[in-house]
Protein backbone atom coordinates (compact mmCIF):
# COMPACT_ATOMS: atom_id res chain seq x y z
CA MET A 1 -45.08 2.80 28.95
CA ARG A 2 -41.32 1.44 29.48
CA VAL A 3 -40.47 -1.81 29.97
CA LEU A 4 -36.96 -1.96 31.13
CA SER A 5 -37.00 0.92 33.82
CA GLN A 6 -36.67 -1.08 36.96
CA LEU A 7 -33.25 -2.97 35.65
CA GLU A 8 -29.98 -2.21 36.53
CA PRO A 9 -27.40 -0.64 35.19
CA LYS A 10 -30.51 1.97 33.98
CA LYS A 11 -28.91 3.68 31.55
CA VAL A 12 -28.10 0.85 29.91
CA PHE A 13 -31.30 -0.85 29.75
CA GLU A 14 -32.82 2.67 29.02
CA TYR A 15 -30.72 3.05 26.01
CA PHE A 16 -31.72 -0.56 24.80
CA GLU A 17 -35.37 0.04 25.17
CA ASP A 18 -34.72 3.56 23.20
CA ILE A 19 -32.77 1.80 20.42
CA SER A 20 -35.44 -1.55 20.22
CA ASN A 21 -38.21 1.34 19.33
CA ILE A 22 -36.25 2.48 16.37
CA PRO A 23 -36.67 -0.40 13.76
CA ARG A 24 -33.66 -0.97 11.85
CA PRO A 25 -33.12 -3.55 9.47
CA SER A 26 -30.24 -4.21 7.31
CA TYR A 27 -29.81 -1.81 4.58
CA LYS A 28 -32.68 0.37 6.36
CA GLU A 29 -30.61 2.23 9.37
CA GLU A 30 -30.77 6.01 8.43
CA LYS A 31 -33.57 5.88 11.64
CA ILE A 32 -30.69 4.40 13.97
CA SER A 33 -28.24 6.21 12.66
CA ASN A 34 -29.81 9.97 12.76
CA TYR A 35 -30.77 8.24 16.36
CA LEU A 36 -27.38 8.23 16.87
CA VAL A 37 -26.10 11.29 15.30
CA GLN A 38 -28.60 13.27 17.62
CA PHE A 39 -27.27 11.65 20.85
CA ALA A 40 -23.51 13.10 19.58
CA LYS A 41 -25.15 16.17 19.53
CA ASP A 42 -27.38 16.51 22.95
CA HIS A 43 -24.03 15.20 24.44
CA GLY A 44 -21.49 17.55 23.10
CA LEU A 45 -19.45 14.89 21.62
CA GLU A 46 -17.29 14.71 18.00
CA TYR A 47 -18.87 13.13 15.71
CA TYR A 48 -19.06 11.81 12.13
CA GLN A 49 -21.93 10.41 9.81
CA ASP A 50 -21.35 8.64 6.22
CA GLU A 51 -23.30 8.45 3.42
CA LEU A 52 -23.95 4.48 4.34
CA PHE A 53 -25.12 6.11 7.70
CA ASN A 54 -22.10 4.58 9.60
CA VAL A 55 -21.55 6.24 12.78
CA ILE A 56 -18.26 7.10 14.77
CA MET A 57 -18.50 9.33 18.28
CA ILE A 58 -15.44 10.67 19.99
CA LYS A 59 -15.23 11.37 23.81
CA GLU A 60 -11.75 13.09 24.97
CA ALA A 61 -9.64 11.22 27.85
CA THR A 62 -10.90 12.35 31.09
CA PRO A 63 -8.13 13.66 33.65
CA GLY A 64 -4.98 11.65 34.21
CA TYR A 65 -5.83 9.25 31.14
CA GLU A 66 -4.23 11.78 28.45
CA ASP A 67 -1.73 10.26 28.07
CA VAL A 68 -3.36 6.47 27.81
CA GLU A 69 -3.49 4.70 24.32
CA PRO A 70 -7.42 5.14 22.90
CA ILE A 71 -9.47 2.38 22.88
CA ILE A 72 -12.03 1.75 20.07
CA LEU A 73 -15.45 0.58 21.43
CA GLN A 74 -17.45 -1.31 18.09
CA GLY A 75 -20.57 -2.86 17.21
CA HIS A 76 -23.21 -2.53 14.90
CA MET A 77 -26.19 -0.92 14.70
CA ASP A 78 -28.64 -3.33 12.44
CA MET A 79 -30.42 -5.98 13.31
CA VAL A 80 -31.62 -9.57 12.13
CA CYS A 81 -35.64 -9.30 11.45
CA GLU A 82 -36.91 -12.50 11.93
CA LYS A 83 -40.88 -12.93 13.11
CA LYS A 84 -43.12 -15.58 13.78
CA PRO A 85 -45.44 -17.05 11.35
CA ASP A 86 -48.29 -15.25 13.24
CA CYS A 87 -46.88 -11.97 13.92
CA HIS A 88 -47.88 -9.43 11.74
CA LYS A 89 -45.36 -6.84 12.68
CA ASN A 90 -44.11 -4.62 10.01
CA MET A 91 -40.23 -4.68 11.09
CA GLU A 92 -39.33 -2.09 8.79
CA GLU A 93 -41.20 0.55 10.36
CA GLU A 94 -42.09 -0.47 13.82
CA GLY A 95 -40.09 -1.12 16.91
CA LEU A 96 -39.69 -4.36 19.07
CA ASP A 97 -42.47 -5.31 21.93
CA LEU A 98 -40.03 -6.10 24.77
CA ALA A 99 -41.06 -8.51 27.71
CA ILE A 100 -38.84 -10.06 30.38
CA ASP A 101 -39.19 -13.94 31.47
CA GLY A 102 -36.52 -13.82 34.66
CA ASP A 103 -33.17 -12.74 34.00
CA TYR A 104 -33.62 -12.80 30.32
CA ILE A 105 -35.32 -9.98 28.33
CA TYR A 106 -36.93 -10.60 24.76
CA ALA A 107 -39.26 -9.46 22.33
CA LYS A 108 -42.43 -10.66 21.27
CA GLY A 109 -42.75 -12.72 18.34
CA THR A 110 -39.46 -11.54 16.42
CA THR A 111 -35.83 -11.42 17.38
CA LEU A 112 -34.47 -8.98 19.52
CA GLY A 113 -31.86 -7.60 18.27
CA GLY A 114 -29.47 -7.89 21.07
CA ASP A 115 -26.76 -8.57 18.70
CA ASP A 116 -25.86 -6.13 18.26
CA GLY A 117 -28.31 -3.53 20.48
CA ILE A 118 -26.49 -4.22 23.34
CA ALA A 119 -23.30 -2.93 22.27
CA VAL A 120 -25.03 0.18 21.06
CA ALA A 121 -26.64 0.17 24.55
CA TYR A 122 -23.08 -0.14 26.67
CA ALA A 123 -21.57 2.66 24.43
CA LEU A 124 -24.01 5.12 24.90
CA ALA A 125 -24.42 4.97 28.53
CA ILE A 126 -20.25 4.94 28.83
CA LEU A 127 -20.62 7.85 26.77
CA ASP A 128 -23.40 9.23 28.80
CA ASP A 129 -21.41 8.70 31.99
CA ASP A 130 -19.16 11.93 33.21
CA THR A 131 -18.31 10.36 36.34
CA LEU A 132 -16.30 7.63 34.72
CA GLU A 133 -12.38 7.40 34.18
CA HIS A 134 -11.38 6.41 30.58
CA PRO A 135 -8.55 7.23 27.90
CA ARG A 136 -9.85 9.03 24.35
CA LEU A 137 -13.33 6.63 23.12
CA GLU A 138 -13.87 6.46 19.86
CA PHE A 139 -17.28 4.59 19.35
CA VAL A 140 -17.48 2.91 15.60
CA CYS A 141 -20.96 1.87 14.80
CA THR A 142 -21.50 0.12 11.28
CA VAL A 143 -24.33 -0.70 9.25
CA SER A 144 -25.14 -3.45 7.80
CA GLU A 145 -23.12 -6.21 9.54
CA GLU A 146 -25.54 -8.74 9.25
CA VAL A 147 -25.88 -9.15 5.34
CA GLY A 148 -21.92 -8.58 4.64
CA MET A 149 -20.02 -6.36 6.57
CA ASP A 150 -20.63 -3.23 3.87
CA GLY A 151 -20.50 -0.58 6.43
CA ALA A 152 -17.25 -1.93 7.76
CA PHE A 153 -15.69 -2.27 4.32
CA ALA A 154 -16.99 1.22 3.42
CA LEU A 155 -15.84 3.06 6.56
CA ASP A 156 -13.37 5.69 6.59
CA VAL A 157 -11.07 5.38 9.92
CA SER A 158 -8.76 8.32 8.81
CA MET A 159 -9.88 10.55 12.42
CA LEU A 160 -9.33 7.17 14.43
CA LYS A 161 -6.48 7.40 16.87
CA GLY A 162 -6.74 4.25 18.50
CA LYS A 163 -4.75 0.81 17.86
CA LYS A 164 -6.81 -1.15 20.36
CA LEU A 165 -10.52 -2.29 19.88
CA LEU A 166 -13.07 -3.71 22.13
CA ASN A 167 -15.59 -5.31 19.53
CA LEU A 168 -19.00 -5.84 21.58
CA ASP A 169 -20.31 -8.52 19.54
CA SER A 170 -20.33 -11.67 21.13
CA GLU A 171 -22.80 -13.69 23.05
CA GLU A 172 -21.30 -15.71 25.89
CA GLU A 173 -20.19 -14.09 28.87
CA GLY A 174 -16.46 -15.44 30.12
CA ILE A 175 -15.21 -16.04 26.37
CA LEU A 176 -13.06 -13.56 24.54
CA LEU A 177 -12.75 -13.77 21.25
CA THR A 178 -9.64 -13.24 19.46
CA SER A 179 -10.05 -14.69 16.29
CA CYS A 180 -12.86 -15.67 13.29
CA ALA A 181 -13.91 -16.55 9.85
CA GLY A 182 -13.84 -15.05 6.95
CA GLY A 183 -16.25 -15.46 4.07
CA CYS A 184 -18.76 -14.25 1.44
CA SER A 185 -22.37 -14.42 0.26
CA SER A 186 -22.98 -16.35 -2.41
CA LYS A 187 -26.04 -16.57 -4.98
CA VAL A 188 -26.81 -19.37 -7.65
CA THR A 189 -29.06 -19.05 -9.88
CA LEU A 190 -30.63 -21.55 -12.11
CA PRO A 191 -32.92 -20.90 -15.17
CA VAL A 192 -36.54 -22.84 -15.37
CA ALA A 193 -39.33 -23.06 -18.09
CA ARG A 194 -42.57 -23.39 -17.05
CA GLU A 195 -45.78 -24.56 -18.87
CA ASN A 196 -49.39 -24.71 -18.43
CA ALA A 197 -49.88 -28.28 -16.61
CA SER A 198 -53.27 -30.01 -14.41
CA GLY A 199 -52.83 -32.32 -11.86
CA VAL A 200 -53.26 -33.00 -8.11
CA LYS A 201 -51.97 -29.81 -6.32
CA ILE A 202 -50.25 -30.65 -3.00
CA SER A 203 -48.91 -28.48 -0.47
CA ILE A 204 -45.80 -28.86 1.54
CA SER A 205 -44.57 -26.48 4.85
CA VAL A 206 -41.39 -27.70 6.94
CA ALA A 207 -42.11 -25.00 9.58
CA LYS A 208 -41.03 -24.28 13.08
CA LEU A 209 -37.41 -25.62 13.14
CA THR A 210 -34.67 -24.36 15.76
CA GLY A 211 -32.80 -21.97 12.99
CA GLY A 212 -30.39 -20.46 14.68
CA HIS A 213 -26.45 -18.02 13.40
CA SER A 214 -25.43 -20.06 10.38
CA GLY A 215 -22.09 -19.33 11.87
CA ALA A 216 -22.56 -19.92 15.67
CA GLU A 217 -25.06 -22.51 15.68
CA ILE A 218 -23.73 -24.08 12.66
CA ASP A 219 -22.10 -27.39 14.76
CA LYS A 220 -25.53 -28.02 16.15
CA TRP A 221 -26.39 -29.90 13.42
CA ARG A 222 -29.86 -28.27 13.31
CA ALA A 223 -32.02 -28.69 10.68
CA ASN A 224 -32.35 -26.74 7.03
CA ALA A 225 -35.72 -26.06 6.04
CA ASN A 226 -34.47 -25.52 2.36
CA THR A 227 -32.25 -28.58 2.30
CA LEU A 228 -35.18 -30.93 4.16
CA MET A 229 -37.88 -29.15 1.16
CA ALA A 230 -35.39 -30.68 -1.25
CA GLY A 231 -34.95 -33.98 -0.19
CA LEU A 232 -38.74 -34.56 0.51
CA LEU A 233 -39.43 -33.55 -3.06
CA ALA A 234 -36.86 -35.92 -4.32
CA GLU A 235 -39.05 -38.60 -2.62
CA MET A 236 -41.87 -37.44 -4.13
CA ASP A 237 -40.46 -36.98 -7.42
CA LEU A 238 -38.77 -40.46 -7.82
CA ARG A 239 -41.86 -41.58 -6.82
CA ALA A 240 -44.83 -40.05 -8.71
CA GLY A 241 -43.27 -37.53 -10.71
CA VAL A 242 -44.18 -33.82 -9.62
CA GLN A 243 -43.82 -29.95 -11.11
CA LEU A 244 -42.67 -27.24 -8.70
CA ILE A 245 -45.42 -24.29 -8.62
CA SER A 246 -43.60 -22.71 -6.05
CA MET A 247 -41.24 -22.65 -3.62
CA GLU A 248 -39.51 -20.48 -1.15
CA GLY A 249 -37.59 -20.63 2.06
CA GLY A 250 -35.32 -18.52 4.40
CA LYS A 251 -35.22 -14.83 4.99
CA LYS A 252 -31.47 -14.25 5.50
CA ASP A 253 -28.35 -16.06 4.42
CA ASN A 254 -26.51 -16.27 7.63
CA ALA A 255 -29.73 -17.63 9.40
CA ILE A 256 -30.50 -21.66 9.00
CA PRO A 257 -33.86 -21.24 7.69
CA ARG A 258 -36.41 -22.52 10.10
CA ASP A 259 -39.37 -22.50 7.34
CA CYS A 260 -39.94 -23.55 3.71
CA GLU A 261 -42.98 -23.93 1.60
CA ALA A 262 -43.66 -25.41 -1.74
CA THR A 263 -46.39 -26.32 -3.90
CA VAL A 264 -46.70 -28.80 -6.62
CA LEU A 265 -48.80 -30.75 -9.66
CA VAL A 266 -48.65 -34.31 -9.62
CA ASP A 267 -51.15 -37.16 -12.00
CA ALA A 268 -54.10 -37.80 -10.41
CA ASP A 269 -53.28 -41.45 -10.43
CA LYS A 270 -49.94 -40.57 -8.80
CA ALA A 271 -51.06 -38.26 -6.04
CA GLU A 272 -51.54 -40.74 -3.30
CA ALA A 273 -47.93 -42.46 -4.11
CA ALA A 274 -46.48 -39.08 -3.71
CA MET A 275 -48.30 -38.34 -0.86
CA GLU A 276 -46.96 -41.29 0.51
CA ALA A 277 -43.44 -40.93 -0.22
CA ALA A 278 -44.00 -37.36 1.55
CA ASN A 279 -45.00 -38.50 4.47
CA LYS A 280 -42.70 -41.20 4.62
CA PHE A 281 -40.24 -38.64 4.15
CA ALA A 282 -41.38 -36.19 6.98
CA LEU A 283 -41.78 -39.45 9.53
CA GLY A 284 -37.99 -40.28 9.07
CA VAL A 285 -36.67 -36.54 9.69
CA ASN A 286 -38.84 -35.81 12.43
CA ARG A 287 -37.15 -38.74 14.19
CA GLU A 288 -33.49 -37.83 12.96
CA TYR A 289 -33.74 -34.26 14.08
CA GLU A 290 -36.02 -34.62 17.39
CA VAL A 291 -33.10 -33.75 20.07
CA SER A 292 -32.06 -30.51 17.80
CA ASP A 293 -35.12 -29.61 16.25
CA PRO A 294 -37.96 -30.88 18.43
CA GLU A 295 -41.22 -28.54 17.16
CA MET A 296 -40.19 -29.12 13.60
CA GLU A 297 -43.68 -29.59 11.72
CA ILE A 298 -44.25 -30.83 8.40
CA ILE A 299 -47.26 -30.59 6.92
CA ILE A 300 -48.04 -32.08 3.44
CA ALA A 301 -51.93 -31.54 2.01
CA ASN A 302 -54.22 -32.61 -1.29
CA GLU A 303 -55.13 -29.58 -2.56
CA GLY A 304 -57.47 -31.07 -5.07
CA GLU A 305 -57.27 -31.04 -9.00
CA THR A 306 -56.16 -27.62 -10.64
CA GLU A 307 -54.17 -25.78 -13.79
CA ALA A 308 -51.80 -24.02 -12.53
CA SER A 309 -48.35 -22.67 -14.55
CA ALA A 310 -45.79 -25.20 -13.31
CA VAL A 311 -42.05 -25.81 -13.88
CA SER A 312 -41.14 -28.53 -16.66
CA CYS A 313 -40.52 -31.71 -15.17
CA ALA A 314 -37.16 -31.95 -16.47
CA ASP A 315 -36.83 -28.47 -14.34
CA THR A 316 -38.18 -29.32 -11.85
CA SER A 317 -35.81 -33.15 -11.78
CA LYS A 318 -32.63 -29.62 -12.12
CA VAL A 319 -34.13 -28.04 -9.64
CA ILE A 320 -34.14 -30.54 -6.58
CA SER A 321 -30.78 -31.91 -7.98
CA LEU A 322 -28.82 -29.10 -7.70
CA ILE A 323 -30.05 -28.36 -4.36
CA GLN A 324 -29.30 -31.58 -2.83
CA SER A 325 -25.95 -31.35 -4.99
CA LEU A 326 -24.47 -28.60 -3.67
CA PRO A 327 -22.68 -28.41 0.10
CA ASN A 328 -24.65 -27.36 3.28
CA GLY A 329 -23.24 -27.25 6.59
CA ILE A 330 -19.79 -28.30 8.01
CA GLN A 331 -17.41 -28.78 5.18
CA ARG A 332 -14.67 -29.38 7.29
CA MET A 333 -13.03 -28.55 11.24
CA SER A 334 -10.08 -27.10 12.09
CA ARG A 335 -7.05 -28.90 12.12
CA ASP A 336 -5.60 -26.65 14.96
CA ILE A 337 -8.24 -26.02 16.79
CA GLU A 338 -10.14 -28.56 19.02
CA GLY A 339 -13.87 -28.28 18.28
CA LEU A 340 -13.77 -25.17 16.16
CA VAL A 341 -15.58 -25.00 12.85
CA GLU A 342 -13.02 -24.04 10.00
CA THR A 343 -15.33 -24.41 6.82
CA SER A 344 -18.69 -24.62 6.24
CA LEU A 345 -21.77 -22.62 4.38
CA ASN A 346 -25.43 -21.97 4.29
CA LEU A 347 -28.40 -22.31 2.24
CA GLY A 348 -30.11 -19.29 4.01
CA ILE A 349 -32.38 -18.21 1.17
CA LEU A 350 -34.39 -20.60 -1.71
CA VAL A 351 -36.53 -18.21 -3.80
CA LEU A 352 -38.62 -19.86 -7.38
CA GLU A 353 -39.40 -17.20 -8.60
CA GLU A 354 -41.03 -17.22 -12.28
CA ASN A 355 -38.08 -18.26 -14.97
CA GLU A 356 -35.38 -18.80 -12.07
CA LEU A 357 -34.51 -20.56 -8.94
CA ILE A 358 -32.55 -18.37 -6.69
CA LEU A 359 -30.12 -20.01 -3.72
CA ARG A 360 -28.33 -17.68 -1.37
CA TYR A 361 -25.96 -19.17 0.58
CA ALA A 362 -23.45 -17.88 3.72
CA LEU A 363 -20.11 -19.39 2.68
CA ARG A 364 -17.33 -18.82 5.75
CA SER A 365 -13.66 -20.36 6.41
CA SER A 366 -10.78 -19.43 8.71
CA VAL A 367 -8.48 -20.77 5.74
CA GLY A 368 -8.47 -18.43 2.54
CA SER A 369 -7.77 -21.44 0.73
CA ALA A 370 -10.32 -23.37 1.69
CA LYS A 371 -12.73 -20.62 1.20
CA GLU A 372 -11.60 -20.02 -2.23
CA ALA A 373 -12.09 -24.02 -2.97
CA LEU A 374 -15.18 -23.87 -1.57
CA MET A 375 -16.33 -21.23 -3.72
CA SER A 376 -15.03 -22.66 -6.68
CA LYS A 377 -16.85 -26.13 -5.96
CA VAL A 378 -20.55 -23.93 -6.07
CA GLU A 379 -19.28 -22.69 -9.16
CA ASN A 380 -18.23 -25.75 -10.71
CA ILE A 381 -21.73 -27.91 -9.03
CA ALA A 382 -23.81 -24.72 -10.19
CA LYS A 383 -22.04 -25.10 -13.95
CA ALA A 384 -22.72 -28.63 -14.19
CA SER A 385 -26.53 -28.16 -13.93
CA GLY A 386 -26.67 -24.86 -15.80
CA ALA A 387 -26.86 -22.72 -12.99
CA THR A 388 -24.69 -19.34 -12.39
CA THR A 389 -23.11 -18.13 -9.44
CA GLU A 390 -21.98 -14.91 -7.87
CA HIS A 391 -19.91 -13.84 -4.55
CA ASN A 392 -20.36 -10.77 -2.98
CA GLY A 393 -19.23 -9.26 0.44
CA GLN A 394 -16.21 -11.39 0.59
CA TYR A 395 -14.38 -10.38 4.30
CA PRO A 396 -11.46 -11.65 5.30
CA ALA A 397 -10.68 -13.67 8.38
CA TRP A 398 -9.68 -11.87 11.49
CA GLU A 399 -5.90 -13.39 12.28
CA PHE A 400 -4.77 -14.50 16.02
CA LYS A 401 -2.71 -11.69 17.56
CA LYS A 402 0.06 -13.41 19.72
CA ASP A 403 1.22 -10.37 21.09
CA SER A 404 -2.08 -8.52 22.42
CA VAL A 405 -1.46 -6.39 25.05
CA LEU A 406 -5.85 -6.02 25.06
CA ARG A 407 -6.05 -9.56 25.62
CA GLU A 408 -3.75 -9.75 28.23
CA ASP A 409 -5.07 -6.72 30.17
CA MET A 410 -8.83 -8.11 29.89
CA ILE A 411 -7.54 -11.72 30.67
CA ARG A 412 -6.14 -10.15 34.18
CA ILE A 413 -9.11 -7.78 34.90
CA TYR A 414 -11.50 -10.96 34.10
CA GLU A 415 -9.87 -12.76 36.72
CA GLU A 416 -9.06 -9.78 39.58
CA MET A 417 -13.31 -9.30 39.40
CA PHE A 418 -14.87 -12.91 38.89
CA GLY A 419 -12.36 -14.87 40.64
CA LYS A 420 -11.47 -17.30 37.61
CA LYS A 421 -9.84 -17.26 34.32
CA PRO A 422 -11.78 -16.29 30.94
CA VAL A 423 -11.76 -18.71 28.13
CA VAL A 424 -9.93 -16.79 24.98
CA GLU A 425 -10.94 -19.01 21.81
CA ALA A 426 -11.85 -18.63 18.03
CA ILE A 427 -15.18 -18.17 16.78
CA HIS A 428 -16.68 -19.64 12.85
CA ALA A 429 -18.65 -16.19 12.78
CA GLY A 430 -17.82 -13.55 11.09
CA LEU A 431 -16.86 -10.36 12.97
CA GLU A 432 -15.99 -7.14 11.65
CA CYS A 433 -12.03 -7.20 13.42
CA GLY A 434 -10.73 -8.44 10.49
CA ILE A 435 -11.91 -5.76 8.13
CA LEU A 436 -10.90 -3.20 10.77
CA ALA A 437 -7.52 -4.70 11.23
CA GLY A 438 -7.20 -4.49 7.50
CA LYS A 439 -7.39 -0.70 7.64
CA ILE A 440 -5.97 0.12 11.25
CA PRO A 441 -1.90 -1.46 10.88
CA GLY A 442 -1.02 -2.70 14.32
CA LEU A 443 -4.66 -2.97 15.70
CA ASP A 444 -5.10 -5.23 18.88
CA ALA A 445 -8.41 -6.51 19.10
CA VAL A 446 -10.57 -8.59 21.69
CA SER A 447 -14.16 -9.29 21.20
CA MET A 448 -16.58 -9.74 24.55
CA GLY A 449 -20.29 -9.61 25.34
CA PRO A 450 -22.80 -10.51 27.23
CA GLU A 451 -24.88 -13.54 27.70
CA MET A 452 -27.18 -14.25 24.95
CA HIS A 453 -29.11 -17.36 23.22
CA ASP A 454 -30.79 -17.90 19.67
CA ILE A 455 -29.62 -15.06 17.85
CA HIS A 456 -31.06 -14.66 14.49
CA THR A 457 -34.57 -16.38 16.00
CA THR A 458 -37.64 -15.69 17.66
CA GLU A 459 -36.41 -16.92 20.41
CA GLU A 460 -33.34 -14.59 20.86
CA ARG A 461 -32.84 -13.62 24.50
CA LEU A 462 -30.38 -11.27 26.36
CA GLY A 463 -29.23 -12.15 29.97
CA ILE A 464 -30.28 -9.01 32.46
CA SER A 465 -27.20 -9.93 35.13
CA SER A 466 -24.64 -11.03 32.37
CA THR A 467 -25.50 -7.64 30.97
CA GLU A 468 -24.75 -5.77 34.27
CA ARG A 469 -21.59 -7.63 34.95
CA MET A 470 -20.30 -7.59 31.48
CA TYR A 471 -21.00 -3.85 31.72
CA ARG A 472 -19.15 -3.26 34.97
CA TYR A 473 -16.05 -5.43 32.95
CA VAL A 474 -16.08 -2.94 30.57
CA VAL A 475 -15.70 -0.47 32.77
CA GLU A 476 -12.94 -1.13 34.30
CA ILE A 477 -10.99 -1.96 31.21
CA LEU A 478 -11.44 1.59 30.18
CA ARG A 479 -10.26 2.30 33.66
CA CYS A 480 -6.81 -0.07 32.93
CA LYS A 481 -3.49 2.35 32.45
């Protein structure tokens, strides 16, 4: 039974529900990509699908628009797949369970994938509507945007004629984005030695944090479950000495982690001191983050005496010290744009394997030299601790274009439709516009989208009325000559 069938624009929500029924985690986009190809075949559109499953569709201009400059519509097909602890859905194999709450759509127990499913739904609805007036349309739908923009990097754009690009990967109605940060993914690996040890096993769970997008929400000063866990373990280690058995937190490097779990061994005669230190730390951070993370839950439990393979005392201290020494969060605010984060990084994934600790960061900056300096800083701190660093998936910043015809047209149309000017600004999160600008000389790009909240979290919501308003806005942009 369809959930969104009564919503308008009917075609937009019909396609959004269709793609929500197709699992589409990053690196596993074949099913949604093939769905898009079938759409193109069914509608007689020129299309291209590459080995990574990027898809490009082309629809020629309607009568009277043959000489109007083509427009590229652009979004990505993958989504961040997060779920609540009590949700047992296999997001690699199962679709989403959509639901409506007032003026919002959400997914039960999981992320919604409005980022960037709504771009796909908009484009398909437009391409499906033969009553619309428009120039040549070129829909570019990429893969693996959420994990380093691999699809955009590999994309062949030789078939594209457009120099105007409307990116549909933004989440605030009335805000036009015209530049964004560049960045990369950084992996830090620290070797550790284990030994057979005995003592009291203590389990720690840091859970139910707010989380969020590590670019768009990094300025909200929300707690990071991985760094909180390191702080808690540092207090335990200082008071009682601990040995790590296990530790794991976060699922995506570009999502502020909401949960982290660890187990440690401590000498029986020091277990009480360790528990006391952990509980004191928990009380303090609950107060510190009571506004940004009101649902935070830290559980410390004595599991009794046991034997286990545990990281040595010396290497446990190294693990804790490394996590606490490496930077996390906002590093510098922009000197040019008030309120804009310039440089940041996020410890999104932490995994203690059998013989190594792995830390994965999303690193961002709108200033190339600042990005390079932060990468070097991470490398040097890691090296001092005996760890190694790898940087992958580097993507460029999208620079502001002073003479943007598209931007000026969009400002004028927005004011005509809604009686007020849109806000034009930059964003700290990464967008594919910078990569595509490097492939298409002279590209004029603007990013926009309907209202969404808490993307990359299980509280993600898409505004229904906003989706309708912004769809009408996109249609008017396409009609502009």
